[in-house]
Amino acid sequence: MTSEAASLVVDARGMRCPWPALRLAKAMRDARDVLLIADDPQAGREVAALAGEHGWHLEDDGAADATGRWRVRRD
């Protein structure tokens, strides 16, 4: 992840898919840069698919714990 902080953090821990992706989609309506935190094992696949559909840039933070962190940006 780059040194710049995401403008918005969406904490979707404890939510099962599709909720993390839905929360991300809602946040991306207004924000250009979102950090999504989710612990559902399916979240990565759903977030990648959503980002691909919308042409968003997706970075996996590579967090060491079981919680996934994805930074999503749009141009």
PDB file of N, CA and C in Angstrom:
ATOM      1  N   MET A   1       0.840  -1.171   0.000  1.00  0.00           N
ATOM      2  CA  MET A   1       0.000   0.000   0.000  1.00  0.00           C
ATOM      3  C   MET A   1       0.884   1.231   0.000  1.00  0.00           C
ATOM      4  N   THR A   2       0.459   2.275  -0.653  1.00  0.00           N
ATOM      5  CA  THR A   2       1.252   3.482  -0.708  1.00  0.00           C
ATOM      6  C   THR A   2       1.214   4.198   0.627  1.00  0.00           C
ATOM      7  N   SER A   3       2.080   5.194   0.781  1.00  0.00           N
ATOM      8  CA  SER A   3       2.165   5.894   2.047  1.00  0.00           C
ATOM      9  C   SER A   3       0.971   6.810   2.295  1.00  0.00           C
ATOM     10  N   GLU A   4       0.221   7.153   1.256  1.00  0.00           N
ATOM     11  CA  GLU A   4      -0.946   7.998   1.430  1.00  0.00           C
ATOM     12  C   GLU A   4      -2.077   7.192   2.058  1.00  0.00           C
ATOM     13  N   ALA A   5      -2.749   7.801   3.017  1.00  0.00           N
ATOM     14  CA  ALA A   5      -3.872   7.126   3.663  1.00  0.00           C
ATOM     15  C   ALA A   5      -5.096   7.182   2.756  1.00  0.00           C
ATOM     16  N   ALA A   6      -5.893   6.147   2.823  1.00  0.00           N
ATOM     17  CA  ALA A   6      -7.151   6.143   2.077  1.00  0.00           C
ATOM     18  C   ALA A   6      -8.056   7.228   2.655  1.00  0.00           C
ATOM     19  N   SER A   7      -8.843   7.839   1.826  1.00  0.00           N
ATOM     20  CA  SER A   7      -9.708   8.914   2.290  1.00  0.00           C
ATOM     21  C   SER A   7     -10.882   8.392   3.110  1.00  0.00           C
ATOM     22  N   LEU A   8     -11.239   7.144   2.939  1.00  0.00           N
ATOM     23  CA  LEU A   8     -12.371   6.567   3.654  1.00  0.00           C
ATOM     24  C   LEU A   8     -12.054   5.119   4.004  1.00  0.00           C
ATOM     25  N   VAL A   9     -12.360   4.713   5.226  1.00  0.00           N
ATOM     26  CA  VAL A   9     -12.167   3.331   5.666  1.00  0.00           C
ATOM     27  C   VAL A   9     -13.540   2.708   5.872  1.00  0.00           C
ATOM     28  N   VAL A  10     -13.753   1.541   5.277  1.00  0.00           N
ATOM     29  CA  VAL A  10     -14.985   0.779   5.453  1.00  0.00           C
ATOM     30  C   VAL A  10     -14.612  -0.497   6.197  1.00  0.00           C
ATOM     31  N   ASP A  11     -15.075  -0.611   7.421  1.00  0.00           N
ATOM     32  CA  ASP A  11     -14.797  -1.786   8.249  1.00  0.00           C
ATOM     33  C   ASP A  11     -15.980  -2.740   8.140  1.00  0.00           C
ATOM     34  N   ALA A  12     -15.785  -3.809   7.389  1.00  0.00           N
ATOM     35  CA  ALA A  12     -16.854  -4.791   7.168  1.00  0.00           C
ATOM     36  C   ALA A  12     -16.547  -6.108   7.881  1.00  0.00           C
ATOM     37  N   ARG A  13     -15.707  -6.052   8.904  1.00  0.00           N
ATOM     38  CA  ARG A  13     -15.416  -7.279   9.663  1.00  0.00           C
ATOM     39  C   ARG A  13     -16.686  -7.791  10.319  1.00  0.00           C
ATOM     40  N   GLY A  14     -16.848  -9.100  10.276  1.00  0.00           N
ATOM     41  CA  GLY A  14     -18.037  -9.734  10.839  1.00  0.00           C
ATOM     42  C   GLY A  14     -19.199  -9.836   9.871  1.00  0.00           C
ATOM     43  N   MET A  15     -19.073  -9.211   8.711  1.00  0.00           N
ATOM     44  CA  MET A  15     -20.129  -9.266   7.694  1.00  0.00           C
ATOM     45  C   MET A  15     -19.793 -10.343   6.680  1.00  0.00           C
ATOM     46  N   ARG A  16     -20.788 -11.085   6.271  1.00  0.00           N
ATOM     47  CA  ARG A  16     -20.613 -12.123   5.260  1.00  0.00           C
ATOM     48  C   ARG A  16     -20.993 -11.578   3.896  1.00  0.00           C
ATOM     49  N   CYS A  17     -20.351 -12.103   2.873  1.00  0.00           N
ATOM     50  CA  CYS A  17     -20.627 -11.676   1.512  1.00  0.00           C
ATOM     51  C   CYS A  17     -22.092 -11.948   1.187  1.00  0.00           C
ATOM     52  N   PRO A  18     -22.684 -11.017   0.515  1.00  0.00           N
ATOM     53  CA  PRO A  18     -22.101  -9.952  -0.302  1.00  0.00           C
ATOM     54  C   PRO A  18     -21.940  -8.614   0.423  1.00  0.00           C
ATOM     55  N   TRP A  19     -22.160  -8.543   1.734  1.00  0.00           N
ATOM     56  CA  TRP A  19     -22.174  -7.259   2.432  1.00  0.00           C
ATOM     57  C   TRP A  19     -20.884  -6.459   2.320  1.00  0.00           C
ATOM     58  N   PRO A  20     -19.695  -7.041   2.447  1.00  0.00           N
ATOM     59  CA  PRO A  20     -18.497  -6.204   2.277  1.00  0.00           C
ATOM     60  C   PRO A  20     -18.443  -5.531   0.897  1.00  0.00           C
ATOM     61  N   ALA A  21     -18.771  -6.261  -0.143  1.00  0.00           N
ATOM     62  CA  ALA A  21     -18.767  -5.684  -1.492  1.00  0.00           C
ATOM     63  C   ALA A  21     -19.855  -4.619  -1.642  1.00  0.00           C
ATOM     64  N   LEU A  22     -21.002  -4.841  -1.038  1.00  0.00           N
ATOM     65  CA  LEU A  22     -22.078  -3.849  -1.108  1.00  0.00           C
ATOM     66  C   LEU A  22     -21.685  -2.576  -0.368  1.00  0.00           C
ATOM     67  N   ARG A  23     -21.042  -2.730   0.779  1.00  0.00           N
ATOM     68  CA  ARG A  23     -20.582  -1.556   1.533  1.00  0.00           C
ATOM     69  C   ARG A  23     -19.521  -0.794   0.741  1.00  0.00           C
ATOM     70  N   LEU A  24     -18.645  -1.531   0.075  1.00  0.00           N
ATOM     71  CA  LEU A  24     -17.631  -0.895  -0.758  1.00  0.00           C
ATOM     72  C   LEU A  24     -18.291  -0.120  -1.893  1.00  0.00           C
ATOM     73  N   ALA A  25     -19.235  -0.735  -2.571  1.00  0.00           N
ATOM     74  CA  ALA A  25     -19.918  -0.074  -3.687  1.00  0.00           C
ATOM     75  C   ALA A  25     -20.594   1.212  -3.224  1.00  0.00           C
ATOM     76  N   LYS A  26     -21.221   1.170  -2.066  1.00  0.00           N
ATOM     77  CA  LYS A  26     -21.879   2.361  -1.534  1.00  0.00           C
ATOM     78  C   LYS A  26     -20.851   3.456  -1.240  1.00  0.00           C
ATOM     79  N   ALA A  27     -19.735   3.081  -0.635  1.00  0.00           N
ATOM     80  CA  ALA A  27     -18.701   4.063  -0.300  1.00  0.00           C
ATOM     81  C   ALA A  27     -18.094   4.679  -1.552  1.00  0.00           C
ATOM     82  N   MET A  28     -17.941   3.883  -2.597  1.00  0.00           N
ATOM     83  CA  MET A  28     -17.314   4.360  -3.827  1.00  0.00           C
ATOM     84  C   MET A  28     -18.217   5.314  -4.610  1.00  0.00           C
ATOM     85  N   ARG A  29     -19.474   5.420  -4.235  1.00  0.00           N
ATOM     86  CA  ARG A  29     -20.350   6.397  -4.902  1.00  0.00           C
ATOM     87  C   ARG A  29     -19.841   7.816  -4.683  1.00  0.00           C
ATOM     88  N   ASP A  30     -19.315   8.070  -3.472  1.00  0.00           N
ATOM     89  CA  ASP A  30     -18.879   9.415  -3.112  1.00  0.00           C
ATOM     90  C   ASP A  30     -17.369   9.554  -2.993  1.00  0.00           C
ATOM     91  N   ALA A  31     -16.679   8.479  -2.669  1.00  0.00           N
ATOM     92  CA  ALA A  31     -15.232   8.541  -2.438  1.00  0.00           C
ATOM     93  C   ALA A  31     -14.474   8.057  -3.671  1.00  0.00           C
ATOM     94  N   ARG A  32     -13.252   8.530  -3.794  1.00  0.00           N
ATOM     95  CA  ARG A  32     -12.389   8.086  -4.896  1.00  0.00           C
ATOM     96  C   ARG A  32     -11.363   7.080  -4.410  1.00  0.00           C
ATOM     97  N   ASP A  33     -11.238   6.930  -3.082  1.00  0.00           N
ATOM     98  CA  ASP A  33     -10.195   6.097  -2.490  1.00  0.00           C
ATOM     99  C   ASP A  33     -10.746   5.500  -1.198  1.00  0.00           C
ATOM    100  N   VAL A  34     -10.884   4.182  -1.157  1.00  0.00           N
ATOM    101  CA  VAL A  34     -11.476   3.507  -0.003  1.00  0.00           C
ATOM    102  C   VAL A  34     -10.567   2.371   0.443  1.00  0.00           C
ATOM    103  N   LEU A  35     -10.402   2.237   1.752  1.00  0.00           N
ATOM    104  CA  LEU A  35      -9.740   1.072   2.326  1.00  0.00           C
ATOM    105  C   LEU A  35     -10.833   0.194   2.915  1.00  0.00           C
ATOM    106  N   LEU A  36     -11.001  -1.000   2.362  1.00  0.00           N
ATOM    107  CA  LEU A  36     -11.991  -1.958   2.848  1.00  0.00           C
ATOM    108  C   LEU A  36     -11.290  -2.973   3.728  1.00  0.00           C
ATOM    109  N   ILE A  37     -11.858  -3.217   4.907  1.00  0.00           N
ATOM    110  CA  ILE A  37     -11.348  -4.232   5.816  1.00  0.00           C
ATOM    111  C   ILE A  37     -12.463  -5.261   6.000  1.00  0.00           C
ATOM    112  N   ALA A  38     -12.175  -6.520   5.692  1.00  0.00           N
ATOM    113  CA  ALA A  38     -13.190  -7.573   5.788  1.00  0.00           C
ATOM    114  C   ALA A  38     -12.532  -8.888   6.167  1.00  0.00           C
ATOM    115  N   ASP A  39     -13.277  -9.723   6.881  1.00  0.00           N
ATOM    116  CA  ASP A  39     -12.720 -11.009   7.300  1.00  0.00           C
ATOM    117  C   ASP A  39     -13.444 -12.213   6.703  1.00  0.00           C
ATOM    118  N   ASP A  40     -14.394 -11.993   5.817  1.00  0.00           N
ATOM    119  CA  ASP A  40     -15.045 -13.106   5.131  1.00  0.00           C
ATOM    120  C   ASP A  40     -14.079 -13.653   4.080  1.00  0.00           C
ATOM    121  N   PRO A  41     -13.833 -14.953   4.078  1.00  0.00           N
ATOM    122  CA  PRO A  41     -12.895 -15.537   3.104  1.00  0.00           C
ATOM    123  C   PRO A  41     -13.285 -15.289   1.641  1.00  0.00           C
ATOM    124  N   GLN A  42     -14.553 -15.049   1.367  1.00  0.00           N
ATOM    125  CA  GLN A  42     -15.012 -14.811  -0.005  1.00  0.00           C
ATOM    126  C   GLN A  42     -14.882 -13.356  -0.427  1.00  0.00           C
ATOM    127  N   ALA A  43     -14.565 -12.476   0.500  1.00  0.00           N
ATOM    128  CA  ALA A  43     -14.557 -11.039   0.209  1.00  0.00           C
ATOM    129  C   ALA A  43     -13.573 -10.679  -0.899  1.00  0.00           C
ATOM    130  N   GLY A  44     -12.390 -11.258  -0.888  1.00  0.00           N
ATOM    131  CA  GLY A  44     -11.395 -10.924  -1.904  1.00  0.00           C
ATOM    132  C   GLY A  44     -11.890 -11.164  -3.312  1.00  0.00           C
ATOM    133  N   ARG A  45     -12.538 -12.287  -3.504  1.00  0.00           N
ATOM    134  CA  ARG A  45     -13.069 -12.630  -4.832  1.00  0.00           C
ATOM    135  C   ARG A  45     -14.178 -11.654  -5.240  1.00  0.00           C
ATOM    136  N   GLU A  46     -15.057 -11.347  -4.313  1.00  0.00           N
ATOM    137  CA  GLU A  46     -16.172 -10.444  -4.606  1.00  0.00           C
ATOM    138  C   GLU A  46     -15.692  -9.017  -4.852  1.00  0.00           C
ATOM    139  N   VAL A  47     -14.734  -8.567  -4.056  1.00  0.00           N
ATOM    140  CA  VAL A  47     -14.195  -7.218  -4.218  1.00  0.00           C
ATOM    141  C   VAL A  47     -13.466  -7.106  -5.557  1.00  0.00           C
ATOM    142  N   ALA A  48     -12.706  -8.118  -5.919  1.00  0.00           N
ATOM    143  CA  ALA A  48     -12.000  -8.108  -7.204  1.00  0.00           C
ATOM    144  C   ALA A  48     -12.987  -8.053  -8.370  1.00  0.00           C
ATOM    145  N   ALA A  49     -14.058  -8.814  -8.281  1.00  0.00           N
ATOM    146  CA  ALA A  49     -15.066  -8.819  -9.348  1.00  0.00           C
ATOM    147  C   ALA A  49     -15.743  -7.450  -9.453  1.00  0.00           C
ATOM    148  N   LEU A  50     -16.082  -6.863  -8.320  1.00  0.00           N
ATOM    149  CA  LEU A  50     -16.729  -5.554  -8.311  1.00  0.00           C
ATOM    150  C   LEU A  50     -15.800  -4.488  -8.889  1.00  0.00           C
ATOM    151  N   ALA A  51     -14.555  -4.517  -8.467  1.00  0.00           N
ATOM    152  CA  ALA A  51     -13.583  -3.545  -8.982  1.00  0.00           C
ATOM    153  C   ALA A  51     -13.406  -3.706 -10.490  1.00  0.00           C
ATOM    154  N   GLY A  52     -13.351  -4.946 -10.958  1.00  0.00           N
ATOM    155  CA  GLY A  52     -13.216  -5.200 -12.387  1.00  0.00           C
ATOM    156  C   GLY A  52     -14.397  -4.681 -13.191  1.00  0.00           C
ATOM    157  N   GLU A  53     -15.608  -4.840 -12.655  1.00  0.00           N
ATOM    158  CA  GLU A  53     -16.810  -4.365 -13.340  1.00  0.00           C
ATOM    159  C   GLU A  53     -16.813  -2.852 -13.520  1.00  0.00           C
ATOM    160  N   HIS A  54     -16.260  -2.153 -12.518  1.00  0.00           N
ATOM    161  CA  HIS A  54     -16.317  -0.693 -12.520  1.00  0.00           C
ATOM    162  C   HIS A  54     -15.025  -0.025 -12.987  1.00  0.00           C
ATOM    163  N   GLY A  55     -13.997  -0.820 -13.258  1.00  0.00           N
ATOM    164  CA  GLY A  55     -12.726  -0.254 -13.698  1.00  0.00           C
ATOM    165  C   GLY A  55     -11.942   0.399 -12.570  1.00  0.00           C
ATOM    166  N   TRP A  56     -12.186  -0.020 -11.340  1.00  0.00           N
ATOM    167  CA  TRP A  56     -11.466   0.527 -10.189  1.00  0.00           C
ATOM    168  C   TRP A  56     -10.122  -0.160 -10.053  1.00  0.00           C
ATOM    169  N   HIS A  57      -9.159   0.545  -9.490  1.00  0.00           N
ATOM    170  CA  HIS A  57      -7.840  -0.024  -9.205  1.00  0.00           C
ATOM    171  C   HIS A  57      -7.906  -0.675  -7.828  1.00  0.00           C
ATOM    172  N   LEU A  58      -7.403  -1.894  -7.732  1.00  0.00           N
ATOM    173  CA  LEU A  58      -7.487  -2.668  -6.493  1.00  0.00           C
ATOM    174  C   LEU A  58      -6.096  -3.067  -6.048  1.00  0.00           C
ATOM    175  N   GLU A  59      -5.795  -2.799  -4.776  1.00  0.00           N
ATOM    176  CA  GLU A  59      -4.531  -3.217  -4.176  1.00  0.00           C
ATOM    177  C   GLU A  59      -4.846  -4.041  -2.944  1.00  0.00           C
ATOM    178  N   ASP A  60      -4.233  -5.200  -2.835  1.00  0.00           N
ATOM    179  CA  ASP A  60      -4.361  -6.036  -1.644  1.00  0.00           C
ATOM    180  C   ASP A  60      -3.284  -5.576  -0.677  1.00  0.00           C
ATOM    181  N   ASP A  61      -3.695  -5.180   0.518  1.00  0.00           N
ATOM    182  CA  ASP A  61      -2.754  -4.668   1.514  1.00  0.00           C
ATOM    183  C   ASP A  61      -1.796  -5.759   1.978  1.00  0.00           C
ATOM    184  N   GLY A  62      -2.206  -7.028   1.887  1.00  0.00           N
ATOM    185  CA  GLY A  62      -1.352  -8.129   2.314  1.00  0.00           C
ATOM    186  C   GLY A  62      -1.163  -8.174   3.817  1.00  0.00           C
ATOM    187  N   ALA A  63      -2.203  -7.862   4.550  1.00  0.00           N
ATOM    188  CA  ALA A  63      -2.120  -7.875   6.012  1.00  0.00           C
ATOM    189  C   ALA A  63      -1.735  -9.266   6.500  1.00  0.00           C
ATOM    190  N   ALA A  64      -0.952  -9.317   7.550  1.00  0.00           N
ATOM    191  CA  ALA A  64      -0.421 -10.582   8.060  1.00  0.00           C
ATOM    192  C   ALA A  64      -1.481 -11.421   8.758  1.00  0.00           C
ATOM    193  N   ASP A  65      -2.527 -10.798   9.271  1.00  0.00           N
ATOM    194  CA  ASP A  65      -3.557 -11.570   9.982  1.00  0.00           C
ATOM    195  C   ASP A  65      -4.605 -12.079   8.998  1.00  0.00           C
ATOM    196  N   ALA A  66      -5.660 -12.672   9.519  1.00  0.00           N
ATOM    197  CA  ALA A  66      -6.693 -13.266   8.671  1.00  0.00           C
ATOM    198  C   ALA A  66      -7.629 -12.211   8.073  1.00  0.00           C
ATOM    199  N   THR A  67      -7.500 -10.976   8.500  1.00  0.00           N
ATOM    200  CA  THR A  67      -8.354  -9.919   7.990  1.00  0.00           C
ATOM    201  C   THR A  67      -7.794  -9.392   6.685  1.00  0.00           C
ATOM    202  N   GLY A  68      -8.633  -9.347   5.673  1.00  0.00           N
ATOM    203  CA  GLY A  68      -8.207  -8.804   4.393  1.00  0.00           C
ATOM    204  C   GLY A  68      -8.347  -7.296   4.379  1.00  0.00           C
ATOM    205  N   ARG A  69      -7.440  -6.669   3.679  1.00  0.00           N
ATOM    206  CA  ARG A  69      -7.472  -5.220   3.514  1.00  0.00           C
ATOM    207  C   ARG A  69      -7.233  -4.928   2.042  1.00  0.00           C
ATOM    208  N   TRP A  70      -8.164  -4.205   1.456  1.00  0.00           N
ATOM    209  CA  TRP A  70      -8.052  -3.836   0.048  1.00  0.00           C
ATOM    210  C   TRP A  70      -8.214  -2.343  -0.093  1.00  0.00           C
ATOM    211  N   ARG A  71      -7.305  -1.745  -0.831  1.00  0.00           N
ATOM    212  CA  ARG A  71      -7.438  -0.335  -1.159  1.00  0.00           C
ATOM    213  C   ARG A  71      -7.996  -0.249  -2.568  1.00  0.00           C
ATOM    214  N   VAL A  72      -9.070   0.479  -2.704  1.00  0.00           N
ATOM    215  CA  VAL A  72      -9.778   0.594  -3.984  1.00  0.00           C
ATOM    216  C   VAL A  72      -9.793   2.064  -4.385  1.00  0.00           C
ATOM    217  N   ARG A  73      -9.411   2.314  -5.638  1.00  0.00           N
ATOM    218  CA  ARG A  73      -9.373   3.697  -6.143  1.00  0.00           C
ATOM    219  C   ARG A  73     -10.025   3.765  -7.503  1.00  0.00           C
ATOM    220  N   ARG A  74     -10.556   4.918  -7.765  1.00  0.00           N
ATOM    221  CA  ARG A  74     -11.047   5.179  -9.122  1.00  0.00           C
ATOM    222  C   ARG A  74     -10.405   6.456  -9.623  1.00  0.00           C
ATOM    223  N   ASP A  75     -10.305   6.566 -10.931  1.00  0.00           N
ATOM    224  CA  ASP A  75      -9.670   7.751 -11.523  1.00  0.00           C
ATOM    225  C   ASP A  75     -10.633   8.904 -11.565  1.00  0.00           C
TER     226      ASP A  75
END
